[in-house]
Amino acid sequence: MTRFVVLEPADVEAPSERAVFVRDRLSGWAVLLPAIWLWRYALWLEGVVALALTIAFILTGNQLGAPLLGFGLVALLGLLVALEGPALRIAALQRRGYRETAAFEAADGAEAELVYFAANSAPAAPSADAALAIQGQPSFTPASPANAPLLRRQPPATLLDFGR
């Protein structure tokens, strides 16, 4: 299960189509290509800084005669971006006027949308069973596969799932 953070525009009260779901976990692509991963999510300044640091680390490692040192520093930079990238995305969205409305766990993005919109939808009109329960008469709905929740379990992802 992955933690998702949902951000909505500040001018919207109810769940909207403009909601942004940020997957709060390590991204394999951010480890390998930190600047490009940052640019993918419109984190332009952070991407330029990551690219400049990547070039500086490689050049410094070559100047010192230890190119593996430079590549090791680039790998650490990629790990830092992979771990802190979701927090950077959330902070950037909040600067653009979004507000955090929910945080929960889901298997993937589709399930996160399902959980968020189902939990925040308007309550339905009372049913006949609810009316009977209000009047003091018990109501009983037998459990069957037809009225069971449709949440499916997926095998756990690996640490570097590369975009799942």
N, C-alpha and C. Protein backbone atom coordinates (compact mmCIF):
# COMPACT_ATOMS: atom_id res chain seq x y z
N MET A 1 0.84 -1.18 0.00
CA MET A 1 0.00 0.00 0.00
C MET A 1 0.89 1.24 0.00
N THR A 2 0.44 2.22 -0.71
CA THR A 2 1.18 3.47 -0.87
C THR A 2 0.38 4.60 -0.26
N ARG A 3 1.07 5.52 0.35
CA ARG A 3 0.41 6.70 0.92
C ARG A 3 0.20 7.71 -0.20
N PHE A 4 -1.02 8.23 -0.29
CA PHE A 4 -1.35 9.28 -1.26
C PHE A 4 -1.77 10.52 -0.49
N VAL A 5 -1.34 11.67 -0.98
CA VAL A 5 -1.75 12.95 -0.43
C VAL A 5 -2.57 13.64 -1.52
N VAL A 6 -3.75 14.12 -1.15
CA VAL A 6 -4.65 14.77 -2.11
C VAL A 6 -4.65 16.27 -1.84
N LEU A 7 -4.44 17.03 -2.91
CA LEU A 7 -4.47 18.48 -2.81
C LEU A 7 -5.55 19.02 -3.74
N GLU A 8 -6.32 19.98 -3.24
CA GLU A 8 -7.40 20.61 -4.01
C GLU A 8 -7.10 22.10 -4.14
N PRO A 9 -7.58 22.71 -5.21
CA PRO A 9 -7.44 24.18 -5.31
C PRO A 9 -8.15 24.86 -4.14
N ALA A 10 -7.63 25.97 -3.70
CA ALA A 10 -8.19 26.65 -2.52
C ALA A 10 -9.60 27.17 -2.76
N ASP A 11 -9.96 27.45 -4.01
CA ASP A 11 -11.27 28.01 -4.29
C ASP A 11 -12.36 26.96 -4.44
N VAL A 12 -12.04 25.69 -4.23
CA VAL A 12 -13.00 24.60 -4.40
C VAL A 12 -13.28 23.99 -3.04
N GLU A 13 -14.56 23.83 -2.71
CA GLU A 13 -14.94 23.24 -1.42
C GLU A 13 -15.10 21.72 -1.50
N ALA A 14 -15.85 21.25 -2.47
CA ALA A 14 -16.13 19.82 -2.59
C ALA A 14 -15.04 19.14 -3.41
N PRO A 15 -14.96 17.83 -3.38
CA PRO A 15 -14.01 17.13 -4.25
C PRO A 15 -14.25 17.51 -5.70
N SER A 16 -13.20 17.81 -6.41
CA SER A 16 -13.34 18.27 -7.79
C SER A 16 -12.44 17.47 -8.71
N GLU A 17 -12.64 17.66 -9.98
CA GLU A 17 -11.81 17.01 -10.99
C GLU A 17 -10.40 17.60 -11.01
N ARG A 18 -10.22 18.74 -10.37
CA ARG A 18 -8.90 19.38 -10.35
C ARG A 18 -8.03 18.89 -9.19
N ALA A 19 -8.49 17.88 -8.46
CA ALA A 19 -7.71 17.33 -7.35
C ALA A 19 -6.42 16.70 -7.90
N VAL A 20 -5.35 16.88 -7.15
CA VAL A 20 -4.05 16.32 -7.52
C VAL A 20 -3.70 15.26 -6.48
N PHE A 21 -3.38 14.06 -6.96
CA PHE A 21 -2.99 12.95 -6.09
C PHE A 21 -1.48 12.79 -6.17
N VAL A 22 -0.81 12.96 -5.05
CA VAL A 22 0.66 12.83 -4.99
C VAL A 22 0.97 11.53 -4.27
N ARG A 23 1.68 10.65 -4.98
CA ARG A 23 2.09 9.37 -4.41
C ARG A 23 3.32 9.62 -3.54
N ASP A 24 3.20 9.41 -2.26
CA ASP A 24 4.26 9.73 -1.31
C ASP A 24 5.12 8.49 -1.07
N ARG A 25 5.99 8.21 -2.03
CA ARG A 25 6.93 7.09 -1.91
C ARG A 25 8.12 7.33 -2.81
N LEU A 26 9.13 6.54 -2.61
CA LEU A 26 10.35 6.64 -3.39
C LEU A 26 10.07 6.30 -4.85
N SER A 27 10.64 7.07 -5.75
CA SER A 27 10.47 6.84 -7.18
C SER A 27 11.80 6.39 -7.78
N GLY A 28 11.77 5.28 -8.48
CA GLY A 28 12.99 4.76 -9.10
C GLY A 28 13.55 5.70 -10.16
N TRP A 29 12.66 6.34 -10.91
CA TRP A 29 13.14 7.27 -11.94
C TRP A 29 13.80 8.49 -11.32
N ALA A 30 13.35 8.90 -10.16
CA ALA A 30 13.98 10.05 -9.50
C ALA A 30 15.39 9.71 -9.03
N VAL A 31 15.63 8.44 -8.71
CA VAL A 31 16.99 8.03 -8.33
C VAL A 31 17.91 8.09 -9.54
N LEU A 32 17.43 7.60 -10.68
CA LEU A 32 18.27 7.52 -11.88
C LEU A 32 18.43 8.86 -12.59
N LEU A 33 17.35 9.62 -12.71
CA LEU A 33 17.37 10.88 -13.46
C LEU A 33 16.69 11.98 -12.64
N PRO A 34 17.37 12.48 -11.61
CA PRO A 34 16.70 13.41 -10.69
C PRO A 34 16.21 14.70 -11.37
N ALA A 35 17.03 15.31 -12.22
CA ALA A 35 16.63 16.58 -12.83
C ALA A 35 15.43 16.38 -13.75
N ILE A 36 15.44 15.35 -14.54
CA ILE A 36 14.33 15.10 -15.46
C ILE A 36 13.07 14.78 -14.68
N TRP A 37 13.19 14.02 -13.60
CA TRP A 37 12.02 13.71 -12.78
C TRP A 37 11.44 14.99 -12.20
N LEU A 38 12.27 15.90 -11.73
CA LEU A 38 11.79 17.16 -11.17
C LEU A 38 11.11 18.00 -12.25
N TRP A 39 11.68 18.04 -13.44
CA TRP A 39 11.08 18.82 -14.53
C TRP A 39 9.74 18.22 -14.96
N ARG A 40 9.60 16.92 -14.86
CA ARG A 40 8.34 16.26 -15.22
C ARG A 40 7.18 16.81 -14.39
N TYR A 41 7.45 17.17 -13.16
CA TYR A 41 6.42 17.68 -12.26
C TYR A 41 6.49 19.20 -12.12
N ALA A 42 7.08 19.88 -13.11
CA ALA A 42 7.14 21.34 -13.18
C ALA A 42 7.89 21.96 -12.00
N LEU A 43 8.87 21.27 -11.48
CA LEU A 43 9.73 21.81 -10.44
C LEU A 43 11.00 22.31 -11.14
N TRP A 44 10.85 23.42 -11.85
CA TRP A 44 11.89 23.91 -12.76
C TRP A 44 13.16 24.30 -12.03
N LEU A 45 13.06 25.14 -11.02
CA LEU A 45 14.24 25.60 -10.30
C LEU A 45 14.96 24.44 -9.61
N GLU A 46 14.21 23.56 -8.98
CA GLU A 46 14.81 22.41 -8.32
C GLU A 46 15.52 21.51 -9.33
N GLY A 47 14.96 21.37 -10.53
CA GLY A 47 15.58 20.57 -11.58
C GLY A 47 16.88 21.18 -12.07
N VAL A 48 16.90 22.50 -12.21
CA VAL A 48 18.14 23.18 -12.63
C VAL A 48 19.22 23.01 -11.57
N VAL A 49 18.83 23.13 -10.31
CA VAL A 49 19.80 22.94 -9.22
C VAL A 49 20.32 21.50 -9.22
N ALA A 50 19.44 20.53 -9.43
CA ALA A 50 19.86 19.12 -9.46
C ALA A 50 20.80 18.87 -10.63
N LEU A 51 20.51 19.46 -11.79
CA LEU A 51 21.39 19.29 -12.94
C LEU A 51 22.75 19.94 -12.70
N ALA A 52 22.75 21.15 -12.12
CA ALA A 52 24.01 21.83 -11.82
C ALA A 52 24.84 21.03 -10.81
N LEU A 53 24.19 20.49 -9.80
CA LEU A 53 24.92 19.67 -8.82
C LEU A 53 25.45 18.39 -9.45
N THR A 54 24.67 17.79 -10.34
CA THR A 54 25.12 16.58 -11.02
C THR A 54 26.39 16.86 -11.82
N ILE A 55 26.37 17.94 -12.59
CA ILE A 55 27.55 18.31 -13.39
C ILE A 55 28.72 18.64 -12.48
N ALA A 56 28.47 19.39 -11.41
CA ALA A 56 29.55 19.76 -10.49
C ALA A 56 30.15 18.53 -9.81
N PHE A 57 29.32 17.59 -9.40
CA PHE A 57 29.84 16.38 -8.76
C PHE A 57 30.70 15.57 -9.72
N ILE A 58 30.25 15.42 -10.94
CA ILE A 58 31.02 14.63 -11.92
C ILE A 58 32.34 15.32 -12.25
N LEU A 59 32.30 16.63 -12.46
CA LEU A 59 33.54 17.36 -12.78
C LEU A 59 34.50 17.35 -11.60
N THR A 60 33.98 17.52 -10.40
CA THR A 60 34.84 17.50 -9.21
C THR A 60 35.48 16.12 -9.03
N GLY A 61 34.70 15.08 -9.22
CA GLY A 61 35.25 13.73 -9.12
C GLY A 61 36.34 13.49 -10.15
N ASN A 62 36.16 13.97 -11.37
CA ASN A 62 37.18 13.81 -12.40
C ASN A 62 38.42 14.64 -12.10
N GLN A 63 38.23 15.85 -11.57
CA GLN A 63 39.37 16.70 -11.23
C GLN A 63 40.21 16.10 -10.10
N LEU A 64 39.56 15.43 -9.18
CA LEU A 64 40.27 14.81 -8.07
C LEU A 64 40.87 13.45 -8.45
N GLY A 65 40.59 13.00 -9.64
CA GLY A 65 41.09 11.70 -10.08
C GLY A 65 40.30 10.53 -9.51
N ALA A 66 39.10 10.81 -9.05
CA ALA A 66 38.25 9.76 -8.47
C ALA A 66 36.85 9.88 -9.08
N PRO A 67 36.69 9.42 -10.32
CA PRO A 67 35.38 9.56 -10.95
C PRO A 67 34.27 8.80 -10.22
N LEU A 68 34.62 7.72 -9.52
CA LEU A 68 33.60 7.00 -8.76
C LEU A 68 33.04 7.84 -7.62
N LEU A 69 33.86 8.74 -7.08
CA LEU A 69 33.39 9.64 -6.05
C LEU A 69 32.30 10.55 -6.60
N GLY A 70 32.53 11.08 -7.79
CA GLY A 70 31.52 11.94 -8.43
C GLY A 70 30.24 11.19 -8.70
N PHE A 71 30.35 9.98 -9.23
CA PHE A 71 29.14 9.21 -9.50
C PHE A 71 28.43 8.78 -8.22
N GLY A 72 29.20 8.55 -7.16
CA GLY A 72 28.59 8.23 -5.87
C GLY A 72 27.81 9.41 -5.32
N LEU A 73 28.36 10.61 -5.49
CA LEU A 73 27.63 11.80 -5.04
C LEU A 73 26.37 12.03 -5.87
N VAL A 74 26.46 11.74 -7.17
CA VAL A 74 25.28 11.86 -8.04
C VAL A 74 24.21 10.86 -7.59
N ALA A 75 24.63 9.65 -7.23
CA ALA A 75 23.68 8.65 -6.76
C ALA A 75 23.02 9.09 -5.45
N LEU A 76 23.79 9.70 -4.56
CA LEU A 76 23.22 10.22 -3.31
C LEU A 76 22.25 11.36 -3.58
N LEU A 77 22.58 12.21 -4.56
CA LEU A 77 21.66 13.27 -4.94
C LEU A 77 20.35 12.69 -5.48
N GLY A 78 20.47 11.66 -6.32
CA GLY A 78 19.28 11.00 -6.84
C GLY A 78 18.44 10.39 -5.73
N LEU A 79 19.09 9.79 -4.75
CA LEU A 79 18.36 9.21 -3.62
C LEU A 79 17.66 10.30 -2.81
N LEU A 80 18.32 11.42 -2.62
CA LEU A 80 17.70 12.54 -1.91
C LEU A 80 16.47 13.05 -2.65
N VAL A 81 16.59 13.21 -3.97
CA VAL A 81 15.44 13.67 -4.77
C VAL A 81 14.32 12.64 -4.72
N ALA A 82 14.67 11.36 -4.78
CA ALA A 82 13.65 10.32 -4.75
C ALA A 82 12.90 10.30 -3.43
N LEU A 83 13.60 10.54 -2.34
CA LEU A 83 12.96 10.52 -1.03
C LEU A 83 12.17 11.80 -0.74
N GLU A 84 12.71 12.94 -1.15
CA GLU A 84 12.08 14.22 -0.84
C GLU A 84 11.26 14.79 -1.99
N GLY A 85 11.27 14.14 -3.14
CA GLY A 85 10.53 14.63 -4.30
C GLY A 85 9.05 14.84 -4.05
N PRO A 86 8.34 13.87 -3.46
CA PRO A 86 6.92 14.11 -3.18
C PRO A 86 6.68 15.31 -2.27
N ALA A 87 7.54 15.52 -1.29
CA ALA A 87 7.38 16.68 -0.41
C ALA A 87 7.61 17.97 -1.18
N LEU A 88 8.56 17.95 -2.13
CA LEU A 88 8.78 19.12 -2.98
C LEU A 88 7.56 19.40 -3.85
N ARG A 89 6.95 18.34 -4.40
CA ARG A 89 5.74 18.52 -5.22
C ARG A 89 4.61 19.10 -4.40
N ILE A 90 4.41 18.59 -3.17
CA ILE A 90 3.35 19.10 -2.31
C ILE A 90 3.60 20.57 -1.97
N ALA A 91 4.82 20.92 -1.64
CA ALA A 91 5.14 22.32 -1.30
C ALA A 91 4.92 23.23 -2.51
N ALA A 92 5.30 22.77 -3.71
CA ALA A 92 5.09 23.58 -4.90
C ALA A 92 3.60 23.78 -5.18
N LEU A 93 2.81 22.74 -5.01
CA LEU A 93 1.37 22.88 -5.23
C LEU A 93 0.74 23.81 -4.19
N GLN A 94 1.21 23.76 -2.96
CA GLN A 94 0.68 24.65 -1.93
C GLN A 94 1.05 26.10 -2.24
N ARG A 95 2.24 26.33 -2.80
CA ARG A 95 2.60 27.69 -3.20
C ARG A 95 1.72 28.19 -4.34
N ARG A 96 1.20 27.27 -5.16
CA ARG A 96 0.32 27.63 -6.27
C ARG A 96 -1.14 27.77 -5.84
N GLY A 97 -1.43 27.64 -4.56
CA GLY A 97 -2.78 27.86 -4.07
C GLY A 97 -3.57 26.60 -3.79
N TYR A 98 -2.94 25.45 -3.79
CA TYR A 98 -3.64 24.21 -3.45
C TYR A 98 -3.55 24.00 -1.95
N ARG A 99 -4.53 23.27 -1.42
CA ARG A 99 -4.51 22.93 0.00
C ARG A 99 -4.64 21.42 0.15
N GLU A 100 -3.99 20.90 1.17
CA GLU A 100 -4.04 19.46 1.41
C GLU A 100 -5.40 19.11 2.01
N THR A 101 -6.10 18.16 1.38
CA THR A 101 -7.43 17.81 1.87
C THR A 101 -7.51 16.39 2.43
N ALA A 102 -6.61 15.51 2.03
CA ALA A 102 -6.68 14.14 2.52
C ALA A 102 -5.32 13.47 2.37
N ALA A 103 -5.12 12.46 3.20
CA ALA A 103 -3.95 11.59 3.10
C ALA A 103 -4.40 10.20 3.53
N PHE A 104 -4.14 9.21 2.70
CA PHE A 104 -4.58 7.85 2.99
C PHE A 104 -3.73 6.88 2.19
N GLU A 105 -3.94 5.59 2.43
CA GLU A 105 -3.20 4.55 1.73
C GLU A 105 -4.09 3.87 0.71
N ALA A 106 -3.49 3.57 -0.44
CA ALA A 106 -4.19 2.86 -1.51
C ALA A 106 -3.16 2.08 -2.31
N ALA A 107 -3.63 1.10 -3.05
CA ALA A 107 -2.71 0.26 -3.83
C ALA A 107 -2.15 0.99 -5.04
N ASP A 108 -2.96 1.81 -5.71
CA ASP A 108 -2.49 2.53 -6.89
C ASP A 108 -3.32 3.80 -7.04
N GLY A 109 -3.02 4.56 -8.10
CA GLY A 109 -3.71 5.83 -8.31
C GLY A 109 -5.20 5.67 -8.54
N ALA A 110 -5.60 4.63 -9.26
CA ALA A 110 -7.03 4.43 -9.53
C ALA A 110 -7.79 4.15 -8.24
N GLU A 111 -7.21 3.33 -7.38
CA GLU A 111 -7.87 3.04 -6.11
C GLU A 111 -7.88 4.28 -5.22
N ALA A 112 -6.83 5.10 -5.29
CA ALA A 112 -6.80 6.33 -4.50
C ALA A 112 -7.93 7.26 -4.92
N GLU A 113 -8.15 7.39 -6.23
CA GLU A 113 -9.25 8.22 -6.69
C GLU A 113 -10.59 7.67 -6.24
N LEU A 114 -10.73 6.36 -6.33
CA LEU A 114 -11.98 5.72 -5.91
C LEU A 114 -12.25 5.97 -4.43
N VAL A 115 -11.24 5.77 -3.60
CA VAL A 115 -11.40 5.96 -2.16
C VAL A 115 -11.71 7.42 -1.84
N TYR A 116 -10.99 8.35 -2.46
CA TYR A 116 -11.18 9.76 -2.15
C TYR A 116 -12.56 10.26 -2.57
N PHE A 117 -12.95 9.97 -3.80
CA PHE A 117 -14.23 10.48 -4.27
C PHE A 117 -15.40 9.76 -3.61
N ALA A 118 -15.24 8.48 -3.27
CA ALA A 118 -16.32 7.77 -2.59
C ALA A 118 -16.48 8.26 -1.15
N ALA A 119 -15.38 8.55 -0.49
CA ALA A 119 -15.45 9.01 0.89
C ALA A 119 -15.98 10.44 0.99
N ASN A 120 -15.78 11.24 -0.04
CA ASN A 120 -16.17 12.64 0.02
C ASN A 120 -17.40 12.97 -0.81
N SER A 121 -18.09 11.95 -1.31
CA SER A 121 -19.29 12.23 -2.09
C SER A 121 -20.45 12.57 -1.15
N ALA A 122 -21.44 13.20 -1.70
CA ALA A 122 -22.61 13.59 -0.91
C ALA A 122 -23.34 12.33 -0.45
N PRO A 123 -23.87 12.32 0.77
CA PRO A 123 -24.59 11.14 1.24
C PRO A 123 -25.87 10.94 0.42
N ALA A 124 -26.18 9.69 0.18
CA ALA A 124 -27.38 9.35 -0.59
C ALA A 124 -28.62 9.55 0.27
N ALA A 125 -29.74 9.62 -0.38
CA ALA A 125 -31.01 9.73 0.35
C ALA A 125 -31.21 8.47 1.18
N PRO A 126 -31.87 8.59 2.34
CA PRO A 126 -32.07 7.40 3.17
C PRO A 126 -32.85 6.32 2.42
N SER A 127 -32.42 5.10 2.61
CA SER A 127 -33.09 3.99 1.95
C SER A 127 -34.25 3.49 2.82
N ALA A 128 -34.98 2.54 2.30
CA ALA A 128 -36.09 1.95 3.05
C ALA A 128 -35.56 1.25 4.30
N ASP A 129 -34.38 0.61 4.20
CA ASP A 129 -33.79 -0.06 5.36
C ASP A 129 -33.46 0.95 6.46
N ALA A 130 -32.95 2.10 6.05
CA ALA A 130 -32.62 3.13 7.04
C ALA A 130 -33.89 3.67 7.69
N ALA A 131 -34.94 3.81 6.90
CA ALA A 131 -36.21 4.29 7.46
C ALA A 131 -36.76 3.30 8.48
N LEU A 132 -36.65 1.99 8.19
CA LEU A 132 -37.10 0.98 9.15
C LEU A 132 -36.27 1.03 10.42
N ALA A 133 -34.94 1.24 10.27
CA ALA A 133 -34.07 1.29 11.43
C ALA A 133 -34.40 2.51 12.29
N ILE A 134 -34.75 3.61 11.64
CA ILE A 134 -35.11 4.81 12.39
C ILE A 134 -36.39 4.58 13.18
N GLN A 135 -37.34 3.84 12.61
CA GLN A 135 -38.61 3.58 13.27
C GLN A 135 -38.47 2.54 14.38
N GLY A 136 -37.30 1.98 14.55
CA GLY A 136 -37.09 1.01 15.60
C GLY A 136 -37.21 -0.43 15.16
N GLN A 137 -37.47 -0.66 13.90
CA GLN A 137 -37.56 -2.03 13.39
C GLN A 137 -36.21 -2.42 12.81
N PRO A 138 -35.71 -3.58 13.15
CA PRO A 138 -34.40 -3.98 12.63
C PRO A 138 -34.47 -4.27 11.13
N SER A 139 -33.42 -3.97 10.48
CA SER A 139 -33.31 -4.30 9.06
C SER A 139 -32.11 -5.22 8.89
N PHE A 140 -32.19 -6.09 7.92
CA PHE A 140 -31.12 -7.06 7.71
C PHE A 140 -30.85 -7.17 6.21
N THR A 141 -29.59 -6.98 5.85
CA THR A 141 -29.18 -7.18 4.47
C THR A 141 -28.15 -8.29 4.47
N PRO A 142 -28.46 -9.43 3.87
CA PRO A 142 -27.49 -10.53 3.90
C PRO A 142 -26.23 -10.18 3.12
N ALA A 143 -25.11 -10.67 3.63
CA ALA A 143 -23.84 -10.44 2.94
C ALA A 143 -23.78 -11.33 1.71
N SER A 144 -23.44 -10.73 0.61
CA SER A 144 -23.30 -11.48 -0.63
C SER A 144 -22.21 -10.82 -1.47
N PRO A 145 -21.68 -11.52 -2.43
CA PRO A 145 -20.66 -10.90 -3.28
C PRO A 145 -21.18 -9.68 -4.03
N ALA A 146 -22.48 -9.58 -4.22
CA ALA A 146 -23.04 -8.45 -4.96
C ALA A 146 -22.89 -7.15 -4.19
N ASN A 147 -22.98 -7.19 -2.84
CA ASN A 147 -22.86 -5.93 -2.10
C ASN A 147 -21.56 -5.86 -1.30
N ALA A 148 -20.56 -6.63 -1.69
CA ALA A 148 -19.25 -6.58 -1.05
C ALA A 148 -18.44 -5.44 -1.68
N PRO A 149 -17.54 -4.81 -0.94
CA PRO A 149 -16.73 -3.74 -1.52
C PRO A 149 -15.82 -4.27 -2.63
N LEU A 150 -15.55 -3.42 -3.59
CA LEU A 150 -14.76 -3.83 -4.75
C LEU A 150 -13.31 -3.37 -4.64
N LEU A 151 -12.70 -3.55 -3.50
CA LEU A 151 -11.29 -3.21 -3.35
C LEU A 151 -10.47 -4.46 -3.60
N ARG A 152 -9.48 -4.33 -4.45
CA ARG A 152 -8.66 -5.49 -4.77
C ARG A 152 -7.28 -5.31 -4.17
N ARG A 153 -6.68 -6.39 -3.82
CA ARG A 153 -5.34 -6.37 -3.25
C ARG A 153 -4.34 -6.67 -4.35
N GLN A 154 -3.24 -5.97 -4.33
CA GLN A 154 -2.17 -6.21 -5.27
C GLN A 154 -0.94 -6.63 -4.48
N PRO A 155 -0.06 -7.38 -5.14
CA PRO A 155 1.16 -7.73 -4.41
C PRO A 155 1.96 -6.47 -4.11
N PRO A 156 2.70 -6.47 -3.02
CA PRO A 156 3.46 -5.26 -2.67
C PRO A 156 4.50 -4.94 -3.75
N ALA A 157 4.67 -3.67 -4.00
CA ALA A 157 5.64 -3.23 -5.00
C ALA A 157 7.05 -3.32 -4.40
N THR A 158 8.01 -3.41 -5.26
CA THR A 158 9.39 -3.40 -4.80
C THR A 158 9.80 -1.98 -4.47
N LEU A 159 10.94 -1.82 -3.88
CA LEU A 159 11.41 -0.51 -3.49
C LEU A 159 11.56 0.40 -4.71
N LEU A 160 12.08 -0.12 -5.79
CA LEU A 160 12.23 0.65 -7.03
C LEU A 160 11.28 0.07 -8.06
N ASP A 161 10.06 0.59 -8.11
CA ASP A 161 9.07 0.00 -8.99
C ASP A 161 9.02 0.65 -10.36
N PHE A 162 9.74 1.75 -10.57
CA PHE A 162 9.86 2.41 -11.86
C PHE A 162 8.53 2.74 -12.49
N GLY A 163 7.70 3.50 -11.77
CA GLY A 163 6.53 4.10 -12.38
C GLY A 163 5.22 3.37 -12.20
N ARG A 164 5.17 2.35 -11.38
CA ARG A 164 3.89 1.70 -11.16
C ARG A 164 3.04 2.52 -10.28
